[in-house]
PDB file of N, CA and C in Angstrom:
ATOM      1  N   MET A   1      -6.484  -2.806   8.289  1.00  0.00           N
ATOM      2  CA  MET A   1      -7.392  -3.683   7.835  1.00  0.00           C
ATOM      3  C   MET A   1      -7.314  -4.925   8.758  1.00  0.00           C
ATOM      4  N   ASP A   2      -8.578  -5.390   9.114  1.00  0.00           N
ATOM      5  CA  ASP A   2      -8.690  -6.578   9.882  1.00  0.00           C
ATOM      6  C   ASP A   2      -8.428  -7.723   9.190  1.00  0.00           C
ATOM      7  N   ALA A   3      -8.531  -9.011   9.798  1.00  0.00           N
ATOM      8  CA  ALA A   3      -8.210 -10.152   9.210  1.00  0.00           C
ATOM      9  C   ALA A   3      -9.327 -10.737   8.312  1.00  0.00           C
ATOM     10  N   SER A   4     -10.768 -10.359   8.649  1.00  0.00           N
ATOM     11  CA  SER A   4     -11.989 -10.540   7.833  1.00  0.00           C
ATOM     12  C   SER A   4     -11.828  -9.957   6.775  1.00  0.00           C
ATOM     13  N   GLN A   5     -11.572  -8.515   6.770  1.00  0.00           N
ATOM     14  CA  GLN A   5     -11.465  -7.871   5.631  1.00  0.00           C
ATOM     15  C   GLN A   5     -10.274  -8.178   4.533  1.00  0.00           C
ATOM     16  N   GLU A   6      -9.069  -8.605   5.189  1.00  0.00           N
ATOM     17  CA  GLU A   6      -7.964  -9.081   4.195  1.00  0.00           C
ATOM     18  C   GLU A   6      -8.231 -10.364   3.532  1.00  0.00           C
ATOM     19  N   SER A   7      -8.990 -11.246   4.204  1.00  0.00           N
ATOM     20  CA  SER A   7      -9.445 -12.571   3.563  1.00  0.00           C
ATOM     21  C   SER A   7     -10.367 -12.331   2.701  1.00  0.00           C
ATOM     22  N   THR A   8     -11.410 -11.344   2.920  1.00  0.00           N
ATOM     23  CA  THR A   8     -12.226 -11.084   1.836  1.00  0.00           C
ATOM     24  C   THR A   8     -11.583 -10.500   0.428  1.00  0.00           C
ATOM     25  N   LEU A   9     -10.673  -9.666   0.625  1.00  0.00           N
ATOM     26  CA  LEU A   9     -10.179  -8.953  -0.452  1.00  0.00           C
ATOM     27  C   LEU A   9      -9.305 -10.142  -1.012  1.00  0.00           C
ATOM     28  N   THR A  10      -8.557 -11.023  -0.290  1.00  0.00           N
ATOM     29  CA  THR A  10      -7.821 -11.918  -1.141  1.00  0.00           C
ATOM     30  C   THR A  10      -8.533 -12.850  -1.784  1.00  0.00           C
ATOM     31  N   TYR A  11      -9.667 -13.346  -1.119  1.00  0.00           N
ATOM     32  CA  TYR A  11     -10.521 -14.237  -2.077  1.00  0.00           C
ATOM     33  C   TYR A  11     -11.060 -13.638  -3.483  1.00  0.00           C
ATOM     34  N   ALA A  12     -11.482 -12.296  -3.164  1.00  0.00           N
ATOM     35  CA  ALA A  12     -11.884 -11.521  -4.425  1.00  0.00           C
ATOM     36  C   ALA A  12     -10.782 -11.533  -5.515  1.00  0.00           C
ATOM     37  N   LEU A  13      -9.547 -10.976  -4.998  1.00  0.00           N
ATOM     38  CA  LEU A  13      -8.542 -11.029  -5.880  1.00  0.00           C
ATOM     39  C   LEU A  13      -8.091 -12.288  -6.547  1.00  0.00           C
ATOM     40  N   LEU A  14      -8.259 -13.288  -5.915  1.00  0.00           N
ATOM     41  CA  LEU A  14      -7.941 -14.605  -6.415  1.00  0.00           C
ATOM     42  C   LEU A  14      -8.775 -15.458  -7.218  1.00  0.00           C
ATOM     43  N   THR A  15      -9.913 -14.684  -7.619  1.00  0.00           N
ATOM     44  CA  THR A  15     -10.776 -15.320  -8.284  1.00  0.00           C
ATOM     45  C   THR A  15     -10.622 -15.162  -9.710  1.00  0.00           C
ATOM     46  N   GLU A  16      -9.642 -14.193 -10.181  1.00  0.00           N
ATOM     47  CA  GLU A  16      -9.373 -14.203 -11.450  1.00  0.00           C
ATOM     48  C   GLU A  16      -8.104 -14.985 -12.073  1.00  0.00           C
ATOM     49  N   PRO A  17      -8.140 -15.587 -12.900  1.00  0.00           N
ATOM     50  CA  PRO A  17      -7.140 -16.824 -13.382  1.00  0.00           C
ATOM     51  C   PRO A  17      -5.621 -16.225 -13.262  1.00  0.00           C
ATOM     52  N   ALA A  18      -5.413 -15.020 -13.953  1.00  0.00           N
ATOM     53  CA  ALA A  18      -4.102 -14.418 -13.965  1.00  0.00           C
ATOM     54  C   ALA A  18      -3.597 -14.291 -12.536  1.00  0.00           C
ATOM     55  N   ARG A  19      -4.449 -13.748 -11.528  1.00  0.00           N
ATOM     56  CA  ARG A  19      -3.786 -13.329 -10.188  1.00  0.00           C
ATOM     57  C   ARG A  19      -3.745 -14.688  -9.438  1.00  0.00           C
ATOM     58  N   VAL A  20      -4.613 -15.865  -9.815  1.00  0.00           N
ATOM     59  CA  VAL A  20      -4.122 -17.168  -9.289  1.00  0.00           C
ATOM     60  C   VAL A  20      -2.945 -17.701  -9.651  1.00  0.00           C
ATOM     61  N   GLY A  21      -2.771 -17.617 -11.044  1.00  0.00           N
ATOM     62  CA  GLY A  21      -1.396 -18.003 -11.514  1.00  0.00           C
ATOM     63  C   GLY A  21      -0.345 -17.391 -10.875  1.00  0.00           C
ATOM     64  N   ILE A  22      -0.378 -16.044 -10.832  1.00  0.00           N
ATOM     65  CA  ILE A  22       0.809 -15.319 -10.090  1.00  0.00           C
ATOM     66  C   ILE A  22       0.915 -15.344  -8.701  1.00  0.00           C
ATOM     67  N   CYS A  23      -0.091 -15.794  -7.944  1.00  0.00           N
ATOM     68  CA  CYS A  23      -0.026 -16.079  -6.363  1.00  0.00           C
ATOM     69  C   CYS A  23       0.670 -17.513  -6.541  1.00  0.00           C
ATOM     70  N   ARG A  24       0.053 -18.633  -7.163  1.00  0.00           N
ATOM     71  CA  ARG A  24       0.737 -19.733  -7.159  1.00  0.00           C
ATOM     72  C   ARG A  24       2.137 -19.970  -7.392  1.00  0.00           C
ATOM     73  N   ALA A  25       2.501 -19.263  -8.476  1.00  0.00           N
ATOM     74  CA  ALA A  25       4.046 -19.218  -8.780  1.00  0.00           C
ATOM     75  C   ALA A  25       4.914 -18.555  -7.819  1.00  0.00           C
ATOM     76  N   LEU A  26       4.404 -17.681  -7.326  1.00  0.00           N
ATOM     77  CA  LEU A  26       4.934 -16.719  -6.092  1.00  0.00           C
ATOM     78  C   LEU A  26       5.261 -17.746  -4.949  1.00  0.00           C
ATOM     79  N   LEU A  27       4.098 -18.573  -4.659  1.00  0.00           N
ATOM     80  CA  LEU A  27       4.246 -19.338  -3.519  1.00  0.00           C
ATOM     81  C   LEU A  27       5.355 -20.200  -3.586  1.00  0.00           C
ATOM     82  N   GLU A  28       5.341 -21.182  -4.870  1.00  0.00           N
ATOM     83  CA  GLU A  28       6.333 -21.894  -5.274  1.00  0.00           C
ATOM     84  C   GLU A  28       7.585 -21.366  -5.195  1.00  0.00           C
ATOM     85  N   ALA A  29       7.636 -20.254  -5.563  1.00  0.00           N
ATOM     86  CA  ALA A  29       9.065 -19.687  -5.632  1.00  0.00           C
ATOM     87  C   ALA A  29       9.708 -19.178  -4.370  1.00  0.00           C
ATOM     88  N   GLY A  30       9.095 -19.110  -3.192  1.00  0.00           N
ATOM     89  CA  GLY A  30       9.411 -18.703  -1.824  1.00  0.00           C
ATOM     90  C   GLY A  30       9.784 -17.170  -1.753  1.00  0.00           C
ATOM     91  N   ASP A  31      10.655 -16.971  -0.743  1.00  0.00           N
ATOM     92  CA  ASP A  31      10.955 -15.562  -0.504  1.00  0.00           C
ATOM     93  C   ASP A  31      11.622 -14.660  -1.231  1.00  0.00           C
ATOM     94  N   GLU A  32      12.352 -15.432  -2.345  1.00  0.00           N
ATOM     95  CA  GLU A  32      13.122 -14.761  -3.387  1.00  0.00           C
ATOM     96  C   GLU A  32      12.398 -14.106  -4.303  1.00  0.00           C
ATOM     97  N   GLY A  33      11.569 -14.483  -4.639  1.00  0.00           N
ATOM     98  CA  GLY A  33      10.502 -14.036  -5.657  1.00  0.00           C
ATOM     99  C   GLY A  33      10.874 -14.472  -6.912  1.00  0.00           C
ATOM    100  N   VAL A  34      10.202 -13.694  -7.962  1.00  0.00           N
ATOM    101  CA  VAL A  34      10.273 -14.127  -9.334  1.00  0.00           C
ATOM    102  C   VAL A  34      10.514 -12.935 -10.256  1.00  0.00           C
ATOM    103  N   PRO A  35      11.406 -12.384 -11.221  1.00  0.00           N
ATOM    104  CA  PRO A  35      11.420 -11.342 -11.858  1.00  0.00           C
ATOM    105  C   PRO A  35      10.145 -11.340 -12.933  1.00  0.00           C
ATOM    106  N   ALA A  36       9.861  -9.914 -13.106  1.00  0.00           N
ATOM    107  CA  ALA A  36       8.443  -9.797 -13.457  1.00  0.00           C
ATOM    108  C   ALA A  36       8.303 -10.617 -15.117  1.00  0.00           C
ATOM    109  N   ALA A  37       9.188 -10.237 -15.587  1.00  0.00           N
ATOM    110  CA  ALA A  37       9.447 -10.755 -17.157  1.00  0.00           C
ATOM    111  C   ALA A  37       9.187 -12.357 -17.181  1.00  0.00           C
ATOM    112  N   ASP A  38       9.803 -12.793 -16.294  1.00  0.00           N
ATOM    113  CA  ASP A  38       9.878 -14.251 -16.288  1.00  0.00           C
ATOM    114  C   ASP A  38       8.458 -14.980 -15.715  1.00  0.00           C
ATOM    115  N   LEU A  39       8.098 -14.313 -14.736  1.00  0.00           N
ATOM    116  CA  LEU A  39       6.615 -14.713 -14.246  1.00  0.00           C
ATOM    117  C   LEU A  39       5.690 -14.429 -15.246  1.00  0.00           C
ATOM    118  N   ALA A  40       5.623 -13.311 -16.008  1.00  0.00           N
ATOM    119  CA  ALA A  40       4.564 -13.256 -17.108  1.00  0.00           C
ATOM    120  C   ALA A  40       4.885 -14.296 -18.039  1.00  0.00           C
ATOM    121  N   ALA A  41       6.037 -14.331 -18.525  1.00  0.00           N
ATOM    122  CA  ALA A  41       6.249 -15.561 -19.516  1.00  0.00           C
ATOM    123  C   ALA A  41       5.799 -16.741 -19.221  1.00  0.00           C
ATOM    124  N   SER A  42       6.033 -17.216 -18.037  1.00  0.00           N
ATOM    125  CA  SER A  42       5.860 -18.604 -17.454  1.00  0.00           C
ATOM    126  C   SER A  42       4.105 -19.021 -17.516  1.00  0.00           C
ATOM    127  N   LEU A  43       3.417 -17.783 -17.387  1.00  0.00           N
ATOM    128  CA  LEU A  43       1.923 -17.747 -17.388  1.00  0.00           C
ATOM    129  C   LEU A  43       1.483 -17.500 -18.642  1.00  0.00           C
ATOM    130  N   GLY A  44       2.309 -17.198 -19.583  1.00  0.00           N
ATOM    131  CA  GLY A  44       1.681 -16.847 -20.955  1.00  0.00           C
ATOM    132  C   GLY A  44       0.934 -15.813 -20.855  1.00  0.00           C
ATOM    133  N   LEU A  45       1.318 -14.554 -20.073  1.00  0.00           N
ATOM    134  CA  LEU A  45       0.732 -13.560 -19.995  1.00  0.00           C
ATOM    135  C   LEU A  45       1.568 -12.494 -20.800  1.00  0.00           C
ATOM    136  N   SER A  46       0.950 -11.315 -21.638  1.00  0.00           N
ATOM    137  CA  SER A  46       1.741 -10.424 -22.094  1.00  0.00           C
ATOM    138  C   SER A  46       2.084  -9.454 -21.021  1.00  0.00           C
ATOM    139  N   LEU A  47       3.460  -8.664 -21.088  1.00  0.00           N
ATOM    140  CA  LEU A  47       3.724  -7.861 -20.153  1.00  0.00           C
ATOM    141  C   LEU A  47       2.932  -6.717 -19.704  1.00  0.00           C
ATOM    142  N   PRO A  48       2.089  -5.991 -20.597  1.00  0.00           N
ATOM    143  CA  PRO A  48       1.073  -5.077 -20.176  1.00  0.00           C
ATOM    144  C   PRO A  48      -0.112  -5.762 -19.339  1.00  0.00           C
ATOM    145  N   ARG A  49      -0.560  -7.034 -19.768  1.00  0.00           N
ATOM    146  CA  ARG A  49      -1.271  -7.434 -18.961  1.00  0.00           C
ATOM    147  C   ARG A  49      -0.789  -7.990 -17.550  1.00  0.00           C
ATOM    148  N   ALA A  50       0.349  -8.274 -17.541  1.00  0.00           N
ATOM    149  CA  ALA A  50       0.919  -8.859 -16.351  1.00  0.00           C
ATOM    150  C   ALA A  50       0.946  -7.748 -15.446  1.00  0.00           C
ATOM    151  N   SER A  51       1.603  -6.676 -16.067  1.00  0.00           N
ATOM    152  CA  SER A  51       1.801  -5.330 -15.065  1.00  0.00           C
ATOM    153  C   SER A  51       0.242  -4.814 -14.572  1.00  0.00           C
ATOM    154  N   ARG A  52      -0.527  -5.009 -15.215  1.00  0.00           N
ATOM    155  CA  ARG A  52      -2.016  -4.708 -14.815  1.00  0.00           C
ATOM    156  C   ARG A  52      -2.155  -5.523 -13.332  1.00  0.00           C
ATOM    157  N   VAL A  53      -2.115  -6.630 -13.598  1.00  0.00           N
ATOM    158  CA  VAL A  53      -2.306  -7.707 -12.308  1.00  0.00           C
ATOM    159  C   VAL A  53      -1.456  -7.363 -11.364  1.00  0.00           C
ATOM    160  N   PHE A  54      -0.088  -7.566 -11.535  1.00  0.00           N
ATOM    161  CA  PHE A  54       0.924  -7.144 -10.496  1.00  0.00           C
ATOM    162  C   PHE A  54       0.367  -5.696  -9.634  1.00  0.00           C
ATOM    163  N   GLN A  55       0.034  -4.556 -10.533  1.00  0.00           N
ATOM    164  CA  GLN A  55      -0.388  -3.428  -9.697  1.00  0.00           C
ATOM    165  C   GLN A  55      -1.542  -3.620  -8.982  1.00  0.00           C
ATOM    166  N   GLU A  56      -2.686  -4.429  -9.440  1.00  0.00           N
ATOM    167  CA  GLU A  56      -3.640  -4.704  -8.402  1.00  0.00           C
ATOM    168  C   GLU A  56      -3.362  -5.451  -7.216  1.00  0.00           C
ATOM    169  N   LEU A  57      -2.285  -6.446  -7.310  1.00  0.00           N
ATOM    170  CA  LEU A  57      -1.965  -6.999  -6.430  1.00  0.00           C
ATOM    171  C   LEU A  57      -0.864  -6.193  -5.412  1.00  0.00           C
ATOM    172  N   LEU A  58      -0.053  -5.578  -5.890  1.00  0.00           N
ATOM    173  CA  LEU A  58       0.435  -4.602  -5.149  1.00  0.00           C
ATOM    174  C   LEU A  58      -0.346  -3.626  -4.371  1.00  0.00           C
ATOM    175  N   GLN A  59      -1.377  -2.907  -4.827  1.00  0.00           N
ATOM    176  CA  GLN A  59      -2.442  -2.249  -4.269  1.00  0.00           C
ATOM    177  C   GLN A  59      -3.235  -2.789  -3.192  1.00  0.00           C
ATOM    178  N   ALA A  60      -3.556  -4.361  -3.274  1.00  0.00           N
ATOM    179  CA  ALA A  60      -3.997  -4.923  -2.244  1.00  0.00           C
ATOM    180  C   ALA A  60      -3.080  -5.323  -1.191  1.00  0.00           C
ATOM    181  N   ASP A  61      -1.755  -5.156  -1.133  1.00  0.00           N
ATOM    182  CA  ASP A  61      -0.627  -5.461  -0.278  1.00  0.00           C
ATOM    183  C   ASP A  61      -0.496  -6.787  -0.314  1.00  0.00           C
ATOM    184  N   ILE A  62      -0.861  -7.420  -1.258  1.00  0.00           N
ATOM    185  CA  ILE A  62      -0.615  -9.073  -1.466  1.00  0.00           C
ATOM    186  C   ILE A  62       0.901  -9.156  -1.804  1.00  0.00           C
ATOM    187  N   LEU A  63       1.478  -8.422  -2.707  1.00  0.00           N
ATOM    188  CA  LEU A  63       2.818  -8.489  -3.359  1.00  0.00           C
ATOM    189  C   LEU A  63       3.849  -7.593  -2.911  1.00  0.00           C
ATOM    190  N   ALA A  64       4.988  -7.663  -3.000  1.00  0.00           N
ATOM    191  CA  ALA A  64       5.990  -6.912  -2.577  1.00  0.00           C
ATOM    192  C   ALA A  64       6.750  -6.758  -3.897  1.00  0.00           C
ATOM    193  N   LEU A  65       7.588  -5.627  -4.289  1.00  0.00           N
ATOM    194  CA  LEU A  65       8.116  -5.259  -5.316  1.00  0.00           C
ATOM    195  C   LEU A  65       9.681  -4.871  -4.897  1.00  0.00           C
ATOM    196  N   THR A  66      10.636  -5.524  -5.432  1.00  0.00           N
ATOM    197  CA  THR A  66      11.949  -5.229  -5.283  1.00  0.00           C
ATOM    198  C   THR A  66      12.734  -5.125  -6.322  1.00  0.00           C
ATOM    199  N   VAL A  67      13.901  -4.341  -6.555  1.00  0.00           N
ATOM    200  CA  VAL A  67      14.786  -4.310  -7.790  1.00  0.00           C
ATOM    201  C   VAL A  67      16.047  -4.905  -7.625  1.00  0.00           C
ATOM    202  N   LYS A  68      16.097  -6.154  -8.439  1.00  0.00           N
ATOM    203  CA  LYS A  68      17.552  -6.802  -8.333  1.00  0.00           C
ATOM    204  C   LYS A  68      18.335  -7.034  -9.405  1.00  0.00           C
ATOM    205  N   ASP A  69      19.680  -6.332  -9.271  1.00  0.00           N
ATOM    206  CA  ASP A  69      20.248  -6.534 -10.897  1.00  0.00           C
ATOM    207  C   ASP A  69      19.509  -5.850 -12.022  1.00  0.00           C
ATOM    208  N   ARG A  70      18.761  -4.663 -11.550  1.00  0.00           N
ATOM    209  CA  ARG A  70      18.109  -3.837 -12.747  1.00  0.00           C
ATOM    210  C   ARG A  70      16.953  -4.822 -13.275  1.00  0.00           C
ATOM    211  N   ARG A  71      16.314  -5.648 -12.405  1.00  0.00           N
ATOM    212  CA  ARG A  71      15.130  -6.222 -12.679  1.00  0.00           C
ATOM    213  C   ARG A  71      14.199  -6.049 -11.669  1.00  0.00           C
ATOM    214  N   VAL A  72      12.867  -6.049 -11.942  1.00  0.00           N
ATOM    215  CA  VAL A  72      11.683  -5.959 -11.130  1.00  0.00           C
ATOM    216  C   VAL A  72      11.480  -7.327 -10.889  1.00  0.00           C
ATOM    217  N   VAL A  73      11.406  -7.574  -9.304  1.00  0.00           N
ATOM    218  CA  VAL A  73      11.160  -8.911  -8.787  1.00  0.00           C
ATOM    219  C   VAL A  73       9.984  -8.756  -7.721  1.00  0.00           C
ATOM    220  N   TYR A  74       8.819  -9.646  -7.848  1.00  0.00           N
ATOM    221  CA  TYR A  74       7.961  -9.637  -7.233  1.00  0.00           C
ATOM    222  C   TYR A  74       8.105 -11.061  -6.309  1.00  0.00           C
ATOM    223  N   SER A  75       7.517 -10.722  -5.018  1.00  0.00           N
ATOM    224  CA  SER A  75       7.396 -11.868  -4.052  1.00  0.00           C
ATOM    225  C   SER A  75       6.120 -11.428  -3.332  1.00  0.00           C
ATOM    226  N   LEU A  76       5.736 -12.508  -2.687  1.00  0.00           N
ATOM    227  CA  LEU A  76       4.492 -12.449  -1.875  1.00  0.00           C
ATOM    228  C   LEU A  76       4.584 -11.925  -0.370  1.00  0.00           C
ATOM    229  N   LYS A  77       3.842 -10.848   0.040  1.00  0.00           N
ATOM    230  CA  LYS A  77       3.797 -10.237   1.225  1.00  0.00           C
ATOM    231  C   LYS A  77       2.875 -11.041   2.337  1.00  0.00           C
ATOM    232  N   ALA A  78       1.613 -11.437   1.794  1.00  0.00           N
ATOM    233  CA  ALA A  78       0.854 -12.271   2.434  1.00  0.00           C
ATOM    234  C   ALA A  78       0.839 -13.618   2.228  1.00  0.00           C
ATOM    235  N   ARG A  79       1.929 -14.365   2.408  1.00  0.00           N
ATOM    236  CA  ARG A  79       1.894 -15.613   1.798  1.00  0.00           C
ATOM    237  C   ARG A  79       1.031 -16.471   2.777  1.00  0.00           C
ATOM    238  N   ARG A  80       0.691 -16.416   3.908  1.00  0.00           N
ATOM    239  CA  ARG A  80      -0.249 -17.266   4.765  1.00  0.00           C
ATOM    240  C   ARG A  80      -1.552 -16.927   4.316  1.00  0.00           C
ATOM    241  N   ALA A  81      -2.121 -15.779   4.039  1.00  0.00           N
ATOM    242  CA  ALA A  81      -3.366 -15.387   3.367  1.00  0.00           C
ATOM    243  C   ALA A  81      -3.711 -16.003   1.998  1.00  0.00           C
ATOM    244  N   VAL A  82      -2.596 -15.914   1.357  1.00  0.00           N
ATOM    245  CA  VAL A  82      -2.957 -16.248   0.045  1.00  0.00           C
ATOM    246  C   VAL A  82      -2.913 -17.912  -0.017  1.00  0.00           C
ATOM    247  N   ARG A  83      -2.090 -18.482   0.877  1.00  0.00           N
ATOM    248  CA  ARG A  83      -2.194 -20.036   0.790  1.00  0.00           C
ATOM    249  C   ARG A  83      -3.426 -20.340   1.374  1.00  0.00           C
ATOM    250  N   GLU A  84      -4.123 -19.806   2.425  1.00  0.00           N
ATOM    251  CA  GLU A  84      -5.227 -19.981   2.732  1.00  0.00           C
ATOM    252  C   GLU A  84      -6.440 -19.882   1.864  1.00  0.00           C
ATOM    253  N   ALA A  85      -6.284 -18.851   1.226  1.00  0.00           N
ATOM    254  CA  ALA A  85      -7.438 -18.308   0.110  1.00  0.00           C
ATOM    255  C   ALA A  85      -7.273 -19.351  -1.074  1.00  0.00           C
ATOM    256  N   LEU A  86      -6.045 -19.602  -1.637  1.00  0.00           N
ATOM    257  CA  LEU A  86      -6.080 -20.824  -2.548  1.00  0.00           C
ATOM    258  C   LEU A  86      -6.698 -22.064  -2.197  1.00  0.00           C
ATOM    259  N   GLY A  87      -6.029 -22.534  -0.947  1.00  0.00           N
ATOM    260  CA  GLY A  87      -6.743 -23.682  -0.295  1.00  0.00           C
ATOM    261  C   GLY A  87      -8.519 -23.658  -0.175  1.00  0.00           C
ATOM    262  N   TYR A  88      -8.874 -22.532   0.013  1.00  0.00           N
ATOM    263  CA  TYR A  88     -10.543 -22.339   0.034  1.00  0.00           C
ATOM    264  C   TYR A  88     -11.005 -22.567  -1.171  1.00  0.00           C
ATOM    265  N   LEU A  89     -10.264 -21.837  -2.290  1.00  0.00           N
ATOM    266  CA  LEU A  89     -10.802 -21.743  -3.464  1.00  0.00           C
ATOM    267  C   LEU A  89     -10.757 -23.133  -4.144  1.00  0.00           C
ATOM    268  N   ASP A  90      -9.540 -23.917  -3.919  1.00  0.00           N
ATOM    269  CA  ASP A  90      -9.391 -25.064  -4.541  1.00  0.00           C
ATOM    270  C   ASP A  90     -10.451 -26.385  -3.994  1.00  0.00           C
ATOM    271  N   SER A  91     -10.995 -26.196  -2.490  1.00  0.00           N
ATOM    272  CA  SER A  91     -11.629 -26.775  -1.912  1.00  0.00           C
ATOM    273  C   SER A  91     -13.086 -26.681  -2.074  1.00  0.00           C
ATOM    274  N   SER A  92     -13.359 -25.451  -2.698  1.00  0.00           N
ATOM    275  CA  SER A  92     -14.653 -24.976  -2.938  1.00  0.00           C
ATOM    276  C   SER A  92     -15.069 -25.221  -4.399  1.00  0.00           C
ATOM    277  N   GLY A  93     -14.000 -25.583  -5.346  1.00  0.00           N
ATOM    278  CA  GLY A  93     -14.423 -25.858  -6.363  1.00  0.00           C
ATOM    279  C   GLY A  93     -14.707 -24.489  -7.396  1.00  0.00           C
ATOM    280  N   LEU A  94     -14.471 -23.429  -6.713  1.00  0.00           N
ATOM    281  CA  LEU A  94     -14.696 -22.060  -7.319  1.00  0.00           C
ATOM    282  C   LEU A  94     -13.734 -21.803  -8.525  1.00  0.00           C
ATOM    283  N   LEU A  95     -12.740 -22.580  -8.740  1.00  0.00           N
ATOM    284  CA  LEU A  95     -11.679 -22.233  -9.917  1.00  0.00           C
ATOM    285  C   LEU A  95     -12.046 -23.459 -10.888  1.00  0.00           C
ATOM    286  N   SER A  96     -12.921 -24.183 -10.702  1.00  0.00           N
ATOM    287  CA  SER A  96     -13.086 -25.235 -11.872  1.00  0.00           C
ATOM    288  C   SER A  96     -13.715 -24.770 -13.161  1.00  0.00           C
TER     289      SER A  96
END
């Protein structure tokens, strides 16, 4: 996937509030990531809803999944692309 396709895909994925919240939380968390249950709870998402969003972001190659101490932990793979997409969305007012 070229950079233009990646950016378009990232923008499309981030226009949904749950995806935006997950990506913002993972940007703040850094490389260590956040356990799935903690991330869902912090955003007020049910685990089934959060799981669907995690799956969408995994399929788009935006998230990475690891297992630490028997807990599923998510982190961002595409940190730079997500940061740029969020900056664009914030400056454009698309999330207002």
